[in-house]
Amino acid sequence: MTGKDQQHSFLTRMRREKWMYVLLIPGLLYFLIFKYVPMWGALLAFKNYQPFLGFFKSEWVGLEHFRVFFANPEFGMLLSNTLMLSFLNMVFFFPAPIILALLLNEVRLALFKRTIQTLIYVPHFISMVIVASLTYVFLTTEGGIVNEYLYKWTGQKIDFLSQPDWFRPIIILQTIWKECGWGTIIFLAALAAVDVEQYEAAIMDGANRWKQIWHITLPSISSTIVILLILRMGNVLDNGFEQIYLMLNPLNRSVAEVFDTYVYMVGITQGAFSYSTAVGLFKSIVGIILVLGTNWLAKRFGHSGLY
């Protein structure tokens, strides 16, 4: 088929399915206006932006902000803190919704199952400010519930909120409590699509519950797990600003300061717009590389990947 014939075929298909293309317009406009047009602002990372000069008249400095950032003594601390939190999230949080979904899938009493699902979904809708406030109420040394019981039993109190060793466990526990239930939705949907006849055949062969989960359930949702893992890798340097900022204080800063809070500190409070844009662009580039790399590895191991 020649190029002219292909063009004619495409135009014919557009005329035949014109209302389907009309329905695409709001979505395309959304991504164009709110996702692609703002990318123009990434050029700030290569300029010495001065508000009184404006975007176009500010001096072009190339990679200067990146050189300053990589030479900054705090770069190592920021990178290690960010990667450590991402690693802990990957080890403890990422499997949690999968395990919870598998457990819920084994529940046969529908009313009990729906009740549990509702209860574990609720924390997702609670503001992180409320979560941080609850954490403070439970863990503060001044009347905190946990410390009151510790003092009653041991005669001592632990300053959970200020000691660096406790910061990361608290963040991981907050994340699991708030988002684990909501994360089960995708996996429960994938589990609903598993062919029931496979379980029946496994039972006939004498497979118990654990063997059914290992040989049927997990392989059936493996593609979903891989896709979510690939997407998760894109956020390795993105730990979420709000949660970290609310739990950050001068005493735990050595383990709590990450790229997100650093961008806020230098970009908003200090007015270094170009420098903070360079830091944000660095995060984005690393995220793209990790997504592409993980997708390539997934395909090498026989999975479908994102594309």
C-alpha atoms as a PDB file:
ATOM      1  CA  MET A   1       0.000   0.000   0.000  1.00  0.00           C
ATOM      2  CA  THR A   2       1.429   3.364  -1.031  1.00  0.00           C
ATOM      3  CA  GLY A   3       1.646   6.399   1.241  1.00  0.00           C
ATOM      4  CA  LYS A   4      -1.257   8.021  -0.599  1.00  0.00           C
ATOM      5  CA  ASP A   5      -3.449   4.939  -0.099  1.00  0.00           C
ATOM      6  CA  GLN A   6      -2.554   4.813   3.620  1.00  0.00           C
ATOM      7  CA  GLN A   7      -3.481   8.480   3.998  1.00  0.00           C
ATOM      8  CA  HIS A   8      -6.781   7.903   2.223  1.00  0.00           C
ATOM      9  CA  SER A   9      -7.493   4.892   4.461  1.00  0.00           C
ATOM     10  CA  PHE A  10      -6.714   6.926   7.602  1.00  0.00           C
ATOM     11  CA  LEU A  11      -8.993   9.794   6.511  1.00  0.00           C
ATOM     12  CA  THR A  12     -11.766   7.324   5.714  1.00  0.00           C
ATOM     13  CA  ARG A  13     -11.426   5.746   9.155  1.00  0.00           C
ATOM     14  CA  MET A  14     -11.492   9.186  10.787  1.00  0.00           C
ATOM     15  CA  ARG A  15     -14.713  10.110   8.975  1.00  0.00           C
ATOM     16  CA  ARG A  16     -16.276   6.798   9.916  1.00  0.00           C
ATOM     17  CA  GLU A  17     -15.267   7.043  13.597  1.00  0.00           C
ATOM     18  CA  LYS A  18     -15.291  10.827  13.952  1.00  0.00           C
ATOM     19  CA  TRP A  19     -17.135  10.866  17.282  1.00  0.00           C
ATOM     20  CA  MET A  20     -14.532   8.575  18.832  1.00  0.00           C
ATOM     21  CA  TYR A  21     -11.865  11.100  17.851  1.00  0.00           C
ATOM     22  CA  VAL A  22     -13.975  13.946  19.209  1.00  0.00           C
ATOM     23  CA  LEU A  23     -14.066  12.155  22.577  1.00  0.00           C
ATOM     24  CA  LEU A  24     -10.258  12.125  22.531  1.00  0.00           C
ATOM     25  CA  ILE A  25     -10.035  15.927  22.371  1.00  0.00           C
ATOM     26  CA  PRO A  26     -10.525  16.701  26.147  1.00  0.00           C
ATOM     27  CA  GLY A  27      -7.874  14.163  27.127  1.00  0.00           C
ATOM     28  CA  LEU A  28      -5.434  15.391  24.493  1.00  0.00           C
ATOM     29  CA  LEU A  29      -5.960  18.998  25.559  1.00  0.00           C
ATOM     30  CA  TYR A  30      -5.375  18.062  29.208  1.00  0.00           C
ATOM     31  CA  PHE A  31      -2.038  16.405  28.484  1.00  0.00           C
ATOM     32  CA  LEU A  32      -1.015  19.128  26.057  1.00  0.00           C
ATOM     33  CA  ILE A  33      -1.788  22.032  28.420  1.00  0.00           C
ATOM     34  CA  PHE A  34      -0.821  20.534  31.780  1.00  0.00           C
ATOM     35  CA  LYS A  35       1.868  17.998  30.849  1.00  0.00           C
ATOM     36  CA  TYR A  36       3.681  19.058  27.680  1.00  0.00           C
ATOM     37  CA  VAL A  37       3.504  22.861  27.705  1.00  0.00           C
ATOM     38  CA  PRO A  38       5.015  23.077  31.249  1.00  0.00           C
ATOM     39  CA  MET A  39       8.051  21.157  29.953  1.00  0.00           C
ATOM     40  CA  TRP A  40       9.147  24.442  28.423  1.00  0.00           C
ATOM     41  CA  GLY A  41       9.900  25.567  31.978  1.00  0.00           C
ATOM     42  CA  ALA A  42      12.664  22.945  32.189  1.00  0.00           C
ATOM     43  CA  LEU A  43      14.830  25.455  30.301  1.00  0.00           C
ATOM     44  CA  LEU A  44      15.124  27.338  33.603  1.00  0.00           C
ATOM     45  CA  ALA A  45      17.679  24.710  34.617  1.00  0.00           C
ATOM     46  CA  PHE A  46      20.017  26.091  31.946  1.00  0.00           C
ATOM     47  CA  LYS A  47      19.463  29.779  32.713  1.00  0.00           C
ATOM     48  CA  ASN A  48      20.314  32.090  35.590  1.00  0.00           C
ATOM     49  CA  TYR A  49      16.700  33.089  36.000  1.00  0.00           C
ATOM     50  CA  GLN A  50      16.056  36.589  37.326  1.00  0.00           C
ATOM     51  CA  PRO A  51      12.388  37.500  37.860  1.00  0.00           C
ATOM     52  CA  PHE A  52      12.876  41.146  36.869  1.00  0.00           C
ATOM     53  CA  LEU A  53      14.508  40.076  33.556  1.00  0.00           C
ATOM     54  CA  GLY A  54      11.935  37.429  32.762  1.00  0.00           C
ATOM     55  CA  PHE A  55      12.262  33.971  31.253  1.00  0.00           C
ATOM     56  CA  PHE A  56      13.659  34.919  27.842  1.00  0.00           C
ATOM     57  CA  LYS A  57      16.081  37.677  28.897  1.00  0.00           C
ATOM     58  CA  SER A  58      17.701  35.785  31.763  1.00  0.00           C
ATOM     59  CA  GLU A  59      21.313  34.735  31.169  1.00  0.00           C
ATOM     60  CA  TRP A  60      21.967  31.322  29.610  1.00  0.00           C
ATOM     61  CA  VAL A  61      24.470  29.407  31.785  1.00  0.00           C
ATOM     62  CA  GLY A  62      24.271  25.903  30.300  1.00  0.00           C
ATOM     63  CA  LEU A  63      25.168  23.105  32.728  1.00  0.00           C
ATOM     64  CA  GLU A  64      26.476  25.400  35.458  1.00  0.00           C
ATOM     65  CA  HIS A  65      23.688  24.603  37.918  1.00  0.00           C
ATOM     66  CA  PHE A  66      24.236  20.874  37.452  1.00  0.00           C
ATOM     67  CA  ARG A  67      27.959  21.260  38.131  1.00  0.00           C
ATOM     68  CA  VAL A  68      27.234  23.225  41.291  1.00  0.00           C
ATOM     69  CA  PHE A  69      24.700  20.639  42.413  1.00  0.00           C
ATOM     70  CA  PHE A  70      26.972  17.640  41.896  1.00  0.00           C
ATOM     71  CA  ALA A  71      29.845  19.441  43.627  1.00  0.00           C
ATOM     72  CA  ASN A  72      27.647  20.361  46.596  1.00  0.00           C
ATOM     73  CA  PRO A  73      28.771  18.521  49.761  1.00  0.00           C
ATOM     74  CA  GLU A  74      25.115  17.759  50.495  1.00  0.00           C
ATOM     75  CA  PHE A  75      24.624  15.873  47.214  1.00  0.00           C
ATOM     76  CA  GLY A  76      25.937  12.615  48.697  1.00  0.00           C
ATOM     77  CA  MET A  77      23.666  12.914  51.737  1.00  0.00           C
ATOM     78  CA  LEU A  78      20.611  13.699  49.594  1.00  0.00           C
ATOM     79  CA  LEU A  79      21.299  10.819  47.215  1.00  0.00           C
ATOM     80  CA  SER A  80      21.911   8.260  49.965  1.00  0.00           C
ATOM     81  CA  ASN A  81      18.844   9.332  51.970  1.00  0.00           C
ATOM     82  CA  THR A  82      16.600   9.259  48.900  1.00  0.00           C
ATOM     83  CA  LEU A  83      17.871   5.888  47.690  1.00  0.00           C
ATOM     84  CA  MET A  84      17.627   4.345  51.156  1.00  0.00           C
ATOM     85  CA  LEU A  85      13.992   5.380  51.565  1.00  0.00           C
ATOM     86  CA  SER A  86      13.190   4.141  48.051  1.00  0.00           C
ATOM     87  CA  PHE A  87      14.938   0.835  48.769  1.00  0.00           C
ATOM     88  CA  LEU A  88      13.003   0.358  52.019  1.00  0.00           C
ATOM     89  CA  ASN A  89       9.751   1.218  50.243  1.00  0.00           C
ATOM     90  CA  MET A  90      10.585  -1.309  47.532  1.00  0.00           C
ATOM     91  CA  VAL A  91      11.385  -4.046  50.057  1.00  0.00           C
ATOM     92  CA  PHE A  92       8.582  -3.479  52.567  1.00  0.00           C
ATOM     93  CA  PHE A  93       5.823  -1.424  50.929  1.00  0.00           C
ATOM     94  CA  PHE A  94       5.756  -2.737  47.357  1.00  0.00           C
ATOM     95  CA  PRO A  95       5.054  -6.392  48.332  1.00  0.00           C
ATOM     96  CA  ALA A  96       2.549  -5.419  51.045  1.00  0.00           C
ATOM     97  CA  PRO A  97      -0.472  -4.769  48.731  1.00  0.00           C
ATOM     98  CA  ILE A  98       0.299  -7.990  46.844  1.00  0.00           C
ATOM     99  CA  ILE A  99       0.343 -10.048  50.049  1.00  0.00           C
ATOM    100  CA  LEU A 100      -2.796  -8.335  51.346  1.00  0.00           C
ATOM    101  CA  ALA A 101      -4.598  -8.900  48.035  1.00  0.00           C
ATOM    102  CA  LEU A 102      -3.664 -12.592  48.119  1.00  0.00           C
ATOM    103  CA  LEU A 103      -5.010 -12.890  51.659  1.00  0.00           C
ATOM    104  CA  LEU A 104      -8.256 -11.115  50.746  1.00  0.00           C
ATOM    105  CA  ASN A 105      -8.622 -13.338  47.691  1.00  0.00           C
ATOM    106  CA  GLU A 106      -8.678 -16.378  49.959  1.00  0.00           C
ATOM    107  CA  VAL A 107     -11.570 -15.011  52.046  1.00  0.00           C
ATOM    108  CA  ARG A 108     -14.786 -16.748  51.053  1.00  0.00           C
ATOM    109  CA  LEU A 109     -17.278 -14.859  53.250  1.00  0.00           C
ATOM    110  CA  ALA A 110     -18.317 -11.945  50.994  1.00  0.00           C
ATOM    111  CA  LEU A 111     -19.617  -9.672  53.759  1.00  0.00           C
ATOM    112  CA  PHE A 112     -16.459 -10.040  55.828  1.00  0.00           C
ATOM    113  CA  LYS A 113     -14.298  -9.472  52.747  1.00  0.00           C
ATOM    114  CA  ARG A 114     -16.115  -6.258  51.766  1.00  0.00           C
ATOM    115  CA  THR A 115     -15.921  -4.968  55.339  1.00  0.00           C
ATOM    116  CA  ILE A 116     -12.171  -5.537  55.513  1.00  0.00           C
ATOM    117  CA  GLN A 117     -11.679  -3.894  52.111  1.00  0.00           C
ATOM    118  CA  THR A 118     -13.609  -0.816  53.201  1.00  0.00           C
ATOM    119  CA  LEU A 119     -11.606  -0.503  56.418  1.00  0.00           C
ATOM    120  CA  ILE A 120      -8.239  -0.745  54.688  1.00  0.00           C
ATOM    121  CA  TYR A 121      -9.232   1.723  51.942  1.00  0.00           C
ATOM    122  CA  VAL A 122     -10.139   4.483  54.404  1.00  0.00           C
ATOM    123  CA  PRO A 123      -6.562   5.589  55.342  1.00  0.00           C
ATOM    124  CA  HIS A 124      -5.873   6.492  51.703  1.00  0.00           C
ATOM    125  CA  PHE A 125      -8.372   9.347  51.959  1.00  0.00           C
ATOM    126  CA  ILE A 126      -6.827  10.757  55.136  1.00  0.00           C
ATOM    127  CA  SER A 127      -4.600  13.784  54.608  1.00  0.00           C
ATOM    128  CA  MET A 128      -0.896  13.288  55.265  1.00  0.00           C
ATOM    129  CA  VAL A 129      -1.146  16.210  57.684  1.00  0.00           C
ATOM    130  CA  ILE A 130      -3.591  14.143  59.743  1.00  0.00           C
ATOM    131  CA  VAL A 131      -1.297  11.109  59.531  1.00  0.00           C
ATOM    132  CA  ALA A 132       1.642  13.176  60.785  1.00  0.00           C
ATOM    133  CA  SER A 133      -0.524  14.576  63.584  1.00  0.00           C
ATOM    134  CA  LEU A 134      -1.583  11.077  64.619  1.00  0.00           C
ATOM    135  CA  THR A 135       2.036   9.995  64.579  1.00  0.00           C
ATOM    136  CA  TYR A 136       2.900  12.893  66.852  1.00  0.00           C
ATOM    137  CA  VAL A 137       0.044  12.045  69.224  1.00  0.00           C
ATOM    138  CA  PHE A 138       1.216   8.434  69.489  1.00  0.00           C
ATOM    139  CA  LEU A 139       4.992   8.932  69.622  1.00  0.00           C
ATOM    140  CA  THR A 140       5.745  12.283  71.286  1.00  0.00           C
ATOM    141  CA  THR A 141       7.529  12.146  74.608  1.00  0.00           C
ATOM    142  CA  GLU A 142       5.103  14.707  76.032  1.00  0.00           C
ATOM    143  CA  GLY A 143       2.038  12.578  76.658  1.00  0.00           C
ATOM    144  CA  GLY A 144       2.337  10.289  73.634  1.00  0.00           C
ATOM    145  CA  ILE A 145       0.370   7.068  74.022  1.00  0.00           C
ATOM    146  CA  VAL A 146       3.270   4.783  73.106  1.00  0.00           C
ATOM    147  CA  ASN A 147       5.735   6.569  75.370  1.00  0.00           C
ATOM    148  CA  GLU A 148       3.267   6.598  78.246  1.00  0.00           C
ATOM    149  CA  TYR A 149       3.036   2.819  78.103  1.00  0.00           C
ATOM    150  CA  LEU A 150       6.802   2.487  77.669  1.00  0.00           C
ATOM    151  CA  TYR A 151       7.353   4.641  80.743  1.00  0.00           C
ATOM    152  CA  LYS A 152       4.801   2.617  82.679  1.00  0.00           C
ATOM    153  CA  TRP A 153       6.452  -0.693  81.776  1.00  0.00           C
ATOM    154  CA  THR A 154      10.172   0.238  81.596  1.00  0.00           C
ATOM    155  CA  GLY A 155      10.479   3.607  83.337  1.00  0.00           C
ATOM    156  CA  GLN A 156      11.990   5.147  80.168  1.00  0.00           C
ATOM    157  CA  LYS A 157      10.783   7.084  77.143  1.00  0.00           C
ATOM    158  CA  ILE A 158      12.082   7.016  73.560  1.00  0.00           C
ATOM    159  CA  ASP A 159      12.233  10.173  71.468  1.00  0.00           C
ATOM    160  CA  PHE A 160      10.942   8.560  68.275  1.00  0.00           C
ATOM    161  CA  LEU A 161      10.366  11.850  66.452  1.00  0.00           C
ATOM    162  CA  SER A 162      13.862  13.283  66.892  1.00  0.00           C
ATOM    163  CA  GLN A 163      16.185  10.290  66.812  1.00  0.00           C
ATOM    164  CA  PRO A 164      17.533   9.675  63.274  1.00  0.00           C
ATOM    165  CA  ASP A 165      17.401   5.886  63.722  1.00  0.00           C
ATOM    166  CA  TRP A 166      13.611   5.958  64.023  1.00  0.00           C
ATOM    167  CA  PHE A 167      12.836   8.262  61.089  1.00  0.00           C
ATOM    168  CA  ARG A 168      12.914   5.679  58.311  1.00  0.00           C
ATOM    169  CA  PRO A 169      10.876   2.995  60.131  1.00  0.00           C
ATOM    170  CA  ILE A 170       8.230   5.625  60.932  1.00  0.00           C
ATOM    171  CA  ILE A 171       8.027   6.751  57.279  1.00  0.00           C
ATOM    172  CA  ILE A 172       7.706   3.176  56.019  1.00  0.00           C
ATOM    173  CA  LEU A 173       5.027   2.310  58.583  1.00  0.00           C
ATOM    174  CA  GLN A 174       3.087   5.465  57.702  1.00  0.00           C
ATOM    175  CA  THR A 175       3.225   4.594  53.989  1.00  0.00           C
ATOM    176  CA  ILE A 176       2.130   0.994  54.528  1.00  0.00           C
ATOM    177  CA  TRP A 177      -0.749   1.996  56.811  1.00  0.00           C
ATOM    178  CA  LYS A 178      -1.996   4.749  54.496  1.00  0.00           C
ATOM    179  CA  GLU A 179      -1.553   3.252  51.027  1.00  0.00           C
ATOM    180  CA  CYS A 180      -1.353  -0.534  51.387  1.00  0.00           C
ATOM    181  CA  GLY A 181      -5.116  -1.074  51.288  1.00  0.00           C
ATOM    182  CA  TRP A 182      -5.608   1.229  48.313  1.00  0.00           C
ATOM    183  CA  GLY A 183      -2.819  -0.548  46.446  1.00  0.00           C
ATOM    184  CA  THR A 184      -4.700  -3.856  46.625  1.00  0.00           C
ATOM    185  CA  ILE A 185      -7.374  -2.610  44.191  1.00  0.00           C
ATOM    186  CA  ILE A 186      -5.291  -3.285  41.072  1.00  0.00           C
ATOM    187  CA  PHE A 187      -4.147  -6.694  42.292  1.00  0.00           C
ATOM    188  CA  LEU A 188      -7.657  -7.758  43.323  1.00  0.00           C
ATOM    189  CA  ALA A 189      -8.849  -6.789  39.846  1.00  0.00           C
ATOM    190  CA  ALA A 190      -6.071  -8.903  38.322  1.00  0.00           C
ATOM    191  CA  LEU A 191      -6.949 -11.806  40.628  1.00  0.00           C
ATOM    192  CA  ALA A 192     -10.595 -11.629  39.558  1.00  0.00           C
ATOM    193  CA  ALA A 193      -9.501 -12.402  35.987  1.00  0.00           C
ATOM    194  CA  VAL A 194      -7.738 -15.660  36.918  1.00  0.00           C
ATOM    195  CA  ASP A 195      -9.413 -18.682  35.320  1.00  0.00           C
ATOM    196  CA  VAL A 196     -11.275 -20.635  38.030  1.00  0.00           C
ATOM    197  CA  GLU A 197     -10.820 -23.877  36.064  1.00  0.00           C
ATOM    198  CA  GLN A 198      -7.106 -23.749  36.819  1.00  0.00           C
ATOM    199  CA  TYR A 199      -7.841 -23.940  40.546  1.00  0.00           C
ATOM    200  CA  GLU A 200     -10.268 -26.787  39.989  1.00  0.00           C
ATOM    201  CA  ALA A 201      -7.665 -28.726  38.007  1.00  0.00           C
ATOM    202  CA  ALA A 202      -5.057 -28.053  40.708  1.00  0.00           C
ATOM    203  CA  ILE A 203      -7.410 -29.337  43.419  1.00  0.00           C
ATOM    204  CA  MET A 204      -7.974 -32.494  41.394  1.00  0.00           C
ATOM    205  CA  ASP A 205      -4.190 -32.943  41.286  1.00  0.00           C
ATOM    206  CA  GLY A 206      -4.008 -32.598  45.076  1.00  0.00           C
ATOM    207  CA  ALA A 207      -2.589 -29.060  45.315  1.00  0.00           C
ATOM    208  CA  ASN A 208      -3.202 -27.302  48.623  1.00  0.00           C
ATOM    209  CA  ARG A 209      -3.863 -23.576  49.094  1.00  0.00           C
ATOM    210  CA  TRP A 210      -0.190 -22.594  49.190  1.00  0.00           C
ATOM    211  CA  LYS A 211       0.630 -24.523  46.021  1.00  0.00           C
ATOM    212  CA  GLN A 212      -2.361 -22.977  44.244  1.00  0.00           C
ATOM    213  CA  ILE A 213      -1.134 -19.490  45.182  1.00  0.00           C
ATOM    214  CA  TRP A 214       2.452 -20.235  44.144  1.00  0.00           C
ATOM    215  CA  HIS A 215       1.760 -22.054  40.875  1.00  0.00           C
ATOM    216  CA  ILE A 216      -1.468 -20.397  39.677  1.00  0.00           C
ATOM    217  CA  THR A 217      -2.255 -17.102  41.418  1.00  0.00           C
ATOM    218  CA  LEU A 218       1.177 -15.460  41.386  1.00  0.00           C
ATOM    219  CA  PRO A 219       2.035 -16.430  37.768  1.00  0.00           C
ATOM    220  CA  SER A 220      -1.385 -15.142  36.673  1.00  0.00           C
ATOM    221  CA  ILE A 221      -0.765 -11.656  38.109  1.00  0.00           C
ATOM    222  CA  SER A 222       2.975 -11.547  37.385  1.00  0.00           C
ATOM    223  CA  SER A 223       2.497  -9.225  34.399  1.00  0.00           C
ATOM    224  CA  THR A 224       0.610  -6.739  36.608  1.00  0.00           C
ATOM    225  CA  ILE A 225       3.340  -6.917  39.242  1.00  0.00           C
ATOM    226  CA  VAL A 226       6.058  -6.300  36.638  1.00  0.00           C
ATOM    227  CA  ILE A 227       4.271  -3.291  35.113  1.00  0.00           C
ATOM    228  CA  LEU A 228       3.747  -1.697  38.539  1.00  0.00           C
ATOM    229  CA  LEU A 229       7.390  -2.411  39.402  1.00  0.00           C
ATOM    230  CA  ILE A 230       8.527  -0.648  36.230  1.00  0.00           C
ATOM    231  CA  LEU A 231       6.362   2.370  37.046  1.00  0.00           C
ATOM    232  CA  ARG A 232       7.638   2.312  40.622  1.00  0.00           C
ATOM    233  CA  MET A 233      11.239   2.483  39.393  1.00  0.00           C
ATOM    234  CA  GLY A 234      10.431   5.810  37.773  1.00  0.00           C
ATOM    235  CA  ASN A 235       9.797   7.240  41.246  1.00  0.00           C
ATOM    236  CA  VAL A 236      12.991   6.001  42.890  1.00  0.00           C
ATOM    237  CA  LEU A 237      14.176   9.575  43.502  1.00  0.00           C
ATOM    238  CA  ASP A 238      10.685  10.785  44.381  1.00  0.00           C
ATOM    239  CA  ASN A 239       9.845  10.025  48.020  1.00  0.00           C
ATOM    240  CA  GLY A 240       6.944  12.447  48.306  1.00  0.00           C
ATOM    241  CA  PHE A 241       7.479  15.951  49.602  1.00  0.00           C
ATOM    242  CA  GLU A 242       4.571  16.309  52.024  1.00  0.00           C
ATOM    243  CA  GLN A 243       5.227  13.257  54.179  1.00  0.00           C
ATOM    244  CA  ILE A 244       8.967  13.858  54.522  1.00  0.00           C
ATOM    245  CA  TYR A 245       8.563  17.583  55.142  1.00  0.00           C
ATOM    246  CA  LEU A 246       6.026  17.025  57.921  1.00  0.00           C
ATOM    247  CA  MET A 247       8.294  14.552  59.725  1.00  0.00           C
ATOM    248  CA  LEU A 248      11.527  16.478  59.103  1.00  0.00           C
ATOM    249  CA  ASN A 249      13.185  18.412  61.934  1.00  0.00           C
ATOM    250  CA  PRO A 250      16.724  19.701  62.633  1.00  0.00           C
ATOM    251  CA  LEU A 251      17.585  16.659  64.767  1.00  0.00           C
ATOM    252  CA  ASN A 252      16.808  14.015  62.118  1.00  0.00           C
ATOM    253  CA  ARG A 253      17.797  16.048  59.047  1.00  0.00           C
ATOM    254  CA  SER A 254      20.905  13.904  58.447  1.00  0.00           C
ATOM    255  CA  VAL A 255      18.675  10.989  57.388  1.00  0.00           C
ATOM    256  CA  ALA A 256      15.465  12.854  56.485  1.00  0.00           C
ATOM    257  CA  GLU A 257      16.558  15.458  53.922  1.00  0.00           C
ATOM    258  CA  VAL A 258      15.792  14.197  50.402  1.00  0.00           C
ATOM    259  CA  PHE A 259      15.683  15.766  46.943  1.00  0.00           C
ATOM    260  CA  ASP A 260      12.032  16.775  47.302  1.00  0.00           C
ATOM    261  CA  THR A 261      12.530  18.752  50.506  1.00  0.00           C
ATOM    262  CA  TYR A 262      15.827  20.164  49.223  1.00  0.00           C
ATOM    263  CA  VAL A 263      14.135  21.522  46.086  1.00  0.00           C
ATOM    264  CA  TYR A 264      11.544  23.235  48.252  1.00  0.00           C
ATOM    265  CA  MET A 265      14.192  24.693  50.556  1.00  0.00           C
ATOM    266  CA  VAL A 266      16.431  26.160  47.842  1.00  0.00           C
ATOM    267  CA  GLY A 267      13.722  26.923  45.302  1.00  0.00           C
ATOM    268  CA  ILE A 268      10.927  28.437  47.385  1.00  0.00           C
ATOM    269  CA  THR A 269      12.517  29.629  50.617  1.00  0.00           C
ATOM    270  CA  GLN A 270      15.793  30.815  49.039  1.00  0.00           C
ATOM    271  CA  GLY A 271      14.514  31.831  45.604  1.00  0.00           C
ATOM    272  CA  ALA A 272      17.052  29.739  43.619  1.00  0.00           C
ATOM    273  CA  PHE A 273      14.553  28.888  40.892  1.00  0.00           C
ATOM    274  CA  SER A 274      17.026  27.807  38.217  1.00  0.00           C
ATOM    275  CA  TYR A 275      19.093  25.717  40.611  1.00  0.00           C
ATOM    276  CA  SER A 276      16.035  23.917  42.022  1.00  0.00           C
ATOM    277  CA  THR A 277      14.772  23.303  38.471  1.00  0.00           C
ATOM    278  CA  ALA A 278      18.103  21.674  37.660  1.00  0.00           C
ATOM    279  CA  VAL A 279      17.714  19.364  40.675  1.00  0.00           C
ATOM    280  CA  GLY A 280      14.180  18.469  39.607  1.00  0.00           C
ATOM    281  CA  LEU A 281      15.309  17.840  36.022  1.00  0.00           C
ATOM    282  CA  PHE A 282      18.075  15.560  37.304  1.00  0.00           C
ATOM    283  CA  LYS A 283      15.443  13.520  39.168  1.00  0.00           C
ATOM    284  CA  SER A 284      13.288  13.270  36.057  1.00  0.00           C
ATOM    285  CA  ILE A 285      16.165  12.127  33.838  1.00  0.00           C
ATOM    286  CA  VAL A 286      17.170   9.436  36.340  1.00  0.00           C
ATOM    287  CA  GLY A 287      13.534   8.308  36.538  1.00  0.00           C
ATOM    288  CA  ILE A 288      13.265   7.987  32.745  1.00  0.00           C
ATOM    289  CA  ILE A 289      16.509   5.992  32.585  1.00  0.00           C
ATOM    290  CA  LEU A 290      15.332   3.624  35.323  1.00  0.00           C
ATOM    291  CA  VAL A 291      11.941   3.096  33.662  1.00  0.00           C
ATOM    292  CA  LEU A 292      13.534   2.349  30.288  1.00  0.00           C
ATOM    293  CA  GLY A 293      16.156   0.092  31.876  1.00  0.00           C
ATOM    294  CA  THR A 294      13.642  -1.845  33.959  1.00  0.00           C
ATOM    295  CA  ASN A 295      11.331  -2.210  30.970  1.00  0.00           C
ATOM    296  CA  TRP A 296      14.241  -3.599  28.917  1.00  0.00           C
ATOM    297  CA  LEU A 297      15.123  -6.086  31.669  1.00  0.00           C
ATOM    298  CA  ALA A 298      11.478  -7.163  31.981  1.00  0.00           C
ATOM    299  CA  LYS A 299      11.380  -7.977  28.264  1.00  0.00           C
ATOM    300  CA  ARG A 300      14.674  -9.849  28.496  1.00  0.00           C
ATOM    301  CA  PHE A 301      13.128 -12.075  31.178  1.00  0.00           C
ATOM    302  CA  GLY A 302      10.078 -12.807  29.040  1.00  0.00           C
ATOM    303  CA  HIS A 303       7.552 -10.300  30.363  1.00  0.00           C
ATOM    304  CA  SER A 304       5.546  -7.906  28.195  1.00  0.00           C
ATOM    305  CA  GLY A 305       6.739  -4.651  29.805  1.00  0.00           C
ATOM    306  CA  LEU A 306       5.124  -1.270  29.298  1.00  0.00           C
ATOM    307  CA  TYR A 307       5.569  -1.200  25.519  1.00  0.00           C
END
